[in-house]
């Protein structure tokens, strides 16, 4: 059983600096979030992350680059369907490589009010850029939550502020006890079959170089299937 703490760059992430290590077996820091805790176990960043912001790994620490996360993302359908932003990419890598029972996100809310947007000040709101793979952040989080559940992994959000993630909220102390959320398997299966039929796969991961062949309307329909699958599963247990 592996409980992974996944840290993003939201302003609230600094709260995690003084958290006890338990109940987390691994700490996955995205981009600048490695600065929040020196005891991270994995640091993940894209090819264009500035070299002067990359920490030097110590014993027991590992850096994750595109050579690692592109194959992992492809194993779950690829960037076009999963969403081309690092919070989703990091989670899919963790699912593939660490086989966790829980991934607990903190500082990954993709909520950008005026003023301080990141724990280090004002940063670029990467998930809000014009991108065909990110038409609905909520739908992409629904897809991730359902595919994780299929792998026996619970996705939870340790933040209690505004969030674009639809993961259930949970206190840090209870994270290791989380269980995968229910979902509508019929709708999830329909979404996967439609993804396969469209064939919007880009093995290199550089999906923006082939954006001309992706239909935004088709991707919106798939997004709605994932959202419906997640919401109907939750409604069935209410």
Protein backbone atom coordinates (compact mmCIF):
# COMPACT_ATOMS: atom_id res chain seq x y z
CA UNK A 1 0.00 0.00 0.00
CA UNK A 2 1.53 3.30 -1.14
CA UNK A 3 0.14 6.71 -0.23
CA UNK A 4 1.55 9.47 -2.43
CA UNK A 5 1.45 13.17 -1.56
CA UNK A 6 1.44 15.18 -4.81
CA UNK A 7 2.42 18.83 -4.33
CA UNK A 8 1.64 21.61 -6.78
CA UNK A 9 2.43 25.32 -6.67
CA UNK A 10 -0.82 26.77 -5.31
CA UNK A 11 -0.43 29.43 -2.59
CA UNK A 12 -1.67 27.08 0.14
CA UNK A 13 1.00 24.46 -0.53
CA UNK A 14 3.38 26.04 1.99
CA UNK A 15 1.14 24.60 4.72
CA UNK A 16 2.63 21.21 3.82
CA UNK A 17 6.13 22.34 4.80
CA UNK A 18 5.58 21.41 8.45
CA UNK A 19 3.38 18.37 8.01
CA UNK A 20 4.69 15.13 9.50
CA UNK A 21 5.80 12.66 6.87
CA UNK A 22 3.18 10.09 7.88
CA UNK A 23 0.95 8.85 6.35
CA UNK A 24 2.80 9.42 3.08
CA UNK A 25 5.19 6.87 1.61
CA UNK A 26 6.26 9.14 -1.25
CA UNK A 27 6.21 12.89 -1.97
CA UNK A 28 5.87 13.85 -5.63
CA UNK A 29 6.78 17.53 -6.17
CA UNK A 30 5.71 19.23 -9.41
CA UNK A 31 7.96 21.92 -10.87
CA UNK A 32 8.81 24.50 -8.17
CA UNK A 33 7.06 22.56 -5.38
CA UNK A 34 10.32 20.79 -4.54
CA UNK A 35 11.16 23.95 -2.57
CA UNK A 36 8.28 23.32 -0.15
CA UNK A 37 9.77 20.20 1.42
CA UNK A 38 13.37 18.97 1.17
CA UNK A 39 12.24 15.39 1.80
CA UNK A 40 10.52 14.94 -1.56
CA UNK A 41 11.10 11.54 -3.11
CA UNK A 42 10.25 12.41 -6.72
CA UNK A 43 10.54 15.70 -8.62
CA UNK A 44 8.71 15.93 -11.94
CA UNK A 45 9.12 18.72 -14.49
CA UNK A 46 8.70 19.30 -18.26
CA UNK A 47 11.49 19.84 -20.77
CA UNK A 48 11.24 23.65 -20.56
CA UNK A 49 11.50 23.88 -16.76
CA UNK A 50 14.46 26.26 -16.12
CA UNK A 51 17.69 24.47 -15.30
CA UNK A 52 18.48 26.88 -12.46
CA UNK A 53 15.29 25.83 -10.67
CA UNK A 54 16.05 22.12 -10.79
CA UNK A 55 17.27 20.71 -7.49
CA UNK A 56 20.13 18.27 -7.20
CA UNK A 57 18.70 14.92 -6.04
CA UNK A 58 20.05 13.47 -2.85
CA UNK A 59 20.04 9.85 -1.75
CA UNK A 60 16.55 8.42 -2.09
CA UNK A 61 15.39 11.16 -4.46
CA UNK A 62 14.58 10.81 -8.16
CA UNK A 63 13.91 13.29 -10.95
CA UNK A 64 11.16 12.50 -13.46
CA UNK A 65 11.44 13.95 -16.96
CA UNK A 66 9.62 13.52 -20.28
CA UNK A 67 11.59 10.32 -20.87
CA UNK A 68 9.68 8.89 -17.90
CA UNK A 69 6.28 10.56 -18.00
CA UNK A 70 5.52 10.44 -21.73
CA UNK A 71 5.41 6.61 -21.84
CA UNK A 72 3.41 6.60 -18.60
CA UNK A 73 0.89 9.09 -19.99
CA UNK A 74 0.63 7.07 -23.20
CA UNK A 75 -0.20 3.97 -21.16
CA UNK A 76 -3.35 5.81 -20.04
CA UNK A 77 -4.41 7.06 -23.45
CA UNK A 78 -2.04 9.96 -24.04
CA UNK A 79 -1.99 13.72 -23.47
CA UNK A 80 -4.90 14.65 -25.72
CA UNK A 81 -7.34 12.68 -23.60
CA UNK A 82 -5.60 13.06 -20.23
CA UNK A 83 -4.97 16.83 -20.42
CA UNK A 84 -1.68 18.51 -21.16
CA UNK A 85 -0.80 20.09 -17.83
CA UNK A 86 1.65 18.86 -15.22
CA UNK A 87 -0.74 18.06 -12.36
CA UNK A 88 -2.50 15.45 -14.50
CA UNK A 89 0.76 14.27 -16.04
CA UNK A 90 2.33 13.80 -12.59
CA UNK A 91 -0.64 11.80 -11.34
CA UNK A 92 -0.67 9.49 -14.37
CA UNK A 93 3.07 8.94 -13.98
CA UNK A 94 2.57 8.03 -10.31
CA UNK A 95 -0.25 5.64 -11.21
CA UNK A 96 1.96 3.94 -13.77
CA UNK A 97 5.26 3.87 -11.89
CA UNK A 98 4.38 3.72 -8.20
CA UNK A 99 1.14 1.69 -8.31
CA UNK A 100 -0.24 3.59 -5.29
CA UNK A 101 -3.42 2.97 -3.37
CA UNK A 102 -3.87 6.72 -2.77
CA UNK A 103 -2.73 9.89 -4.52
CA UNK A 104 -3.43 12.92 -2.34
CA UNK A 105 -3.17 16.24 -4.20
CA UNK A 106 -2.33 19.50 -2.44
CA UNK A 107 -1.69 22.86 -4.08
CA UNK A 108 -3.01 21.51 -7.40
CA UNK A 109 -6.37 23.31 -7.49
CA UNK A 110 -5.78 25.25 -10.74
CA UNK A 111 -7.62 28.20 -9.23
CA UNK A 112 -6.04 31.54 -10.07
CA UNK A 113 -7.49 34.58 -8.24
CA UNK A 114 -6.06 38.02 -8.81
CA UNK A 115 -2.82 38.60 -6.93
CA UNK A 116 -0.75 35.71 -5.67
CA UNK A 117 -1.42 32.70 -7.88
CA UNK A 118 1.47 30.48 -6.81
CA UNK A 119 3.27 29.96 -3.50
CA UNK A 120 6.30 31.82 -4.84
CA UNK A 121 4.29 34.81 -6.12
CA UNK A 122 2.58 35.42 -9.44
CA UNK A 123 3.23 32.65 -11.93
CA UNK A 124 1.87 31.59 -15.30
CA UNK A 125 -1.53 29.91 -15.07
CA UNK A 126 -0.48 27.07 -17.34
CA UNK A 127 -3.76 25.08 -17.25
CA UNK A 128 -5.73 28.14 -18.41
CA UNK A 129 -3.76 28.66 -21.60
CA UNK A 130 -5.62 28.06 -24.90
CA UNK A 131 -5.17 24.31 -25.30
CA UNK A 132 -7.45 21.83 -27.01
CA UNK A 133 -6.74 19.20 -24.35
CA UNK A 134 -7.87 21.45 -21.47
CA UNK A 135 -11.38 22.52 -22.44
CA UNK A 136 -12.70 21.20 -19.11
CA UNK A 137 -10.32 20.78 -16.20
CA UNK A 138 -13.17 19.23 -14.23
CA UNK A 139 -13.67 16.56 -16.89
CA UNK A 140 -9.97 15.76 -17.05
CA UNK A 141 -9.92 15.34 -13.27
CA UNK A 142 -12.98 13.06 -13.56
CA UNK A 143 -11.16 10.92 -16.12
CA UNK A 144 -8.08 10.70 -13.91
CA UNK A 145 -10.15 9.80 -10.85
CA UNK A 146 -11.99 7.03 -12.74
CA UNK A 147 -8.90 5.54 -14.38
CA UNK A 148 -7.16 5.61 -11.01
CA UNK A 149 -10.14 3.80 -9.47
CA UNK A 150 -9.82 1.15 -12.17
CA UNK A 151 -6.27 0.65 -10.92
CA UNK A 152 -7.43 0.41 -7.30
CA UNK A 153 -6.19 3.91 -6.43
CA UNK A 154 -8.14 6.68 -4.71
CA UNK A 155 -7.62 10.28 -5.85
CA UNK A 156 -8.27 12.81 -3.08
CA UNK A 157 -7.80 16.55 -2.63
CA UNK A 158 -6.29 17.74 0.66
CA UNK A 159 -7.19 21.35 -0.15
CA UNK A 160 -10.44 22.82 1.11
CA UNK A 161 -10.32 26.01 -0.99
CA UNK A 162 -11.75 26.63 -4.47
CA UNK A 163 -10.66 23.93 -6.87
CA UNK A 164 -11.14 22.75 -10.44
CA UNK A 165 -10.51 19.17 -9.31
CA UNK A 166 -13.59 17.08 -8.57
CA UNK A 167 -11.76 14.64 -6.29
CA UNK A 168 -13.34 14.15 -2.86
CA UNK A 169 -11.90 16.38 -0.13
CA UNK A 170 -10.11 14.72 2.73
CA UNK A 171 -8.09 15.71 5.79
CA UNK A 172 -4.41 14.82 5.63
CA UNK A 173 -4.64 12.51 8.62
CA UNK A 174 -7.25 10.37 6.84
CA UNK A 175 -5.58 10.23 3.43
CA UNK A 176 -4.16 6.72 3.75
CA UNK A 177 -7.65 5.39 4.46
CA UNK A 178 -9.20 6.74 1.25
CA UNK A 179 -10.91 4.33 -1.09
CA UNK A 180 -11.62 4.73 -4.82
CA UNK A 181 -14.86 6.55 -5.57
CA UNK A 182 -17.66 4.73 -7.42
CA UNK A 183 -18.37 5.58 -11.04
CA UNK A 184 -20.74 4.59 -13.82
CA UNK A 185 -18.85 1.83 -15.60
CA UNK A 186 -21.11 1.95 -18.66
CA UNK A 187 -20.37 5.61 -19.33
CA UNK A 188 -16.66 5.19 -18.57
CA UNK A 189 -16.50 2.30 -21.03
CA UNK A 190 -18.24 4.43 -23.65
CA UNK A 191 -15.68 7.21 -23.13
CA UNK A 192 -12.74 4.82 -23.50
CA UNK A 193 -14.22 3.27 -26.64
CA UNK A 194 -14.79 6.69 -28.19
CA UNK A 195 -11.22 7.71 -27.40
CA UNK A 196 -9.95 4.55 -29.05
CA UNK A 197 -12.16 5.06 -32.10
CA UNK A 198 -10.95 8.63 -32.63
CA UNK A 199 -7.31 7.59 -32.33
CA UNK A 200 -6.01 10.93 -31.07
CA UNK A 201 -2.75 9.35 -29.94
CA UNK A 202 0.62 11.11 -30.19
CA UNK A 203 3.41 8.74 -29.03
CA UNK A 204 5.97 11.56 -28.82
CA UNK A 205 3.79 13.50 -26.40
CA UNK A 206 4.11 16.63 -28.57
CA UNK A 207 0.39 16.78 -29.27
CA UNK A 208 0.43 20.50 -30.14
CA UNK A 209 2.31 19.65 -33.33
CA UNK A 210 -0.73 17.66 -34.51
CA UNK A 211 -3.52 19.81 -33.07
CA UNK A 212 -5.02 20.31 -36.54
CA UNK A 213 -6.32 16.73 -36.58
CA UNK A 214 -8.19 16.92 -33.27
CA UNK A 215 -11.85 17.95 -33.25
CA UNK A 216 -12.65 20.13 -30.20
CA UNK A 217 -16.31 19.13 -30.34
CA UNK A 218 -15.42 15.44 -30.18
CA UNK A 219 -13.18 16.07 -27.18
CA UNK A 220 -15.98 18.00 -25.46
CA UNK A 221 -18.32 15.03 -25.96
CA UNK A 222 -15.78 12.71 -24.37
CA UNK A 223 -15.29 15.18 -21.52
CA UNK A 224 -19.03 15.09 -20.84
CA UNK A 225 -18.98 11.29 -20.74
CA UNK A 226 -16.25 11.30 -18.11
CA UNK A 227 -18.01 13.93 -16.02
CA UNK A 228 -21.29 12.06 -16.23
CA UNK A 229 -19.62 8.77 -15.32
CA UNK A 230 -18.13 10.34 -12.20
CA UNK A 231 -21.27 12.20 -11.13
CA UNK A 232 -23.67 9.31 -11.73
CA UNK A 233 -21.42 7.00 -9.73
CA UNK A 234 -21.51 9.42 -6.82
CA UNK A 235 -25.27 9.90 -7.11
CA UNK A 236 -25.83 6.14 -6.94
CA UNK A 237 -24.27 6.04 -3.47
CA UNK A 238 -25.99 9.15 -2.12
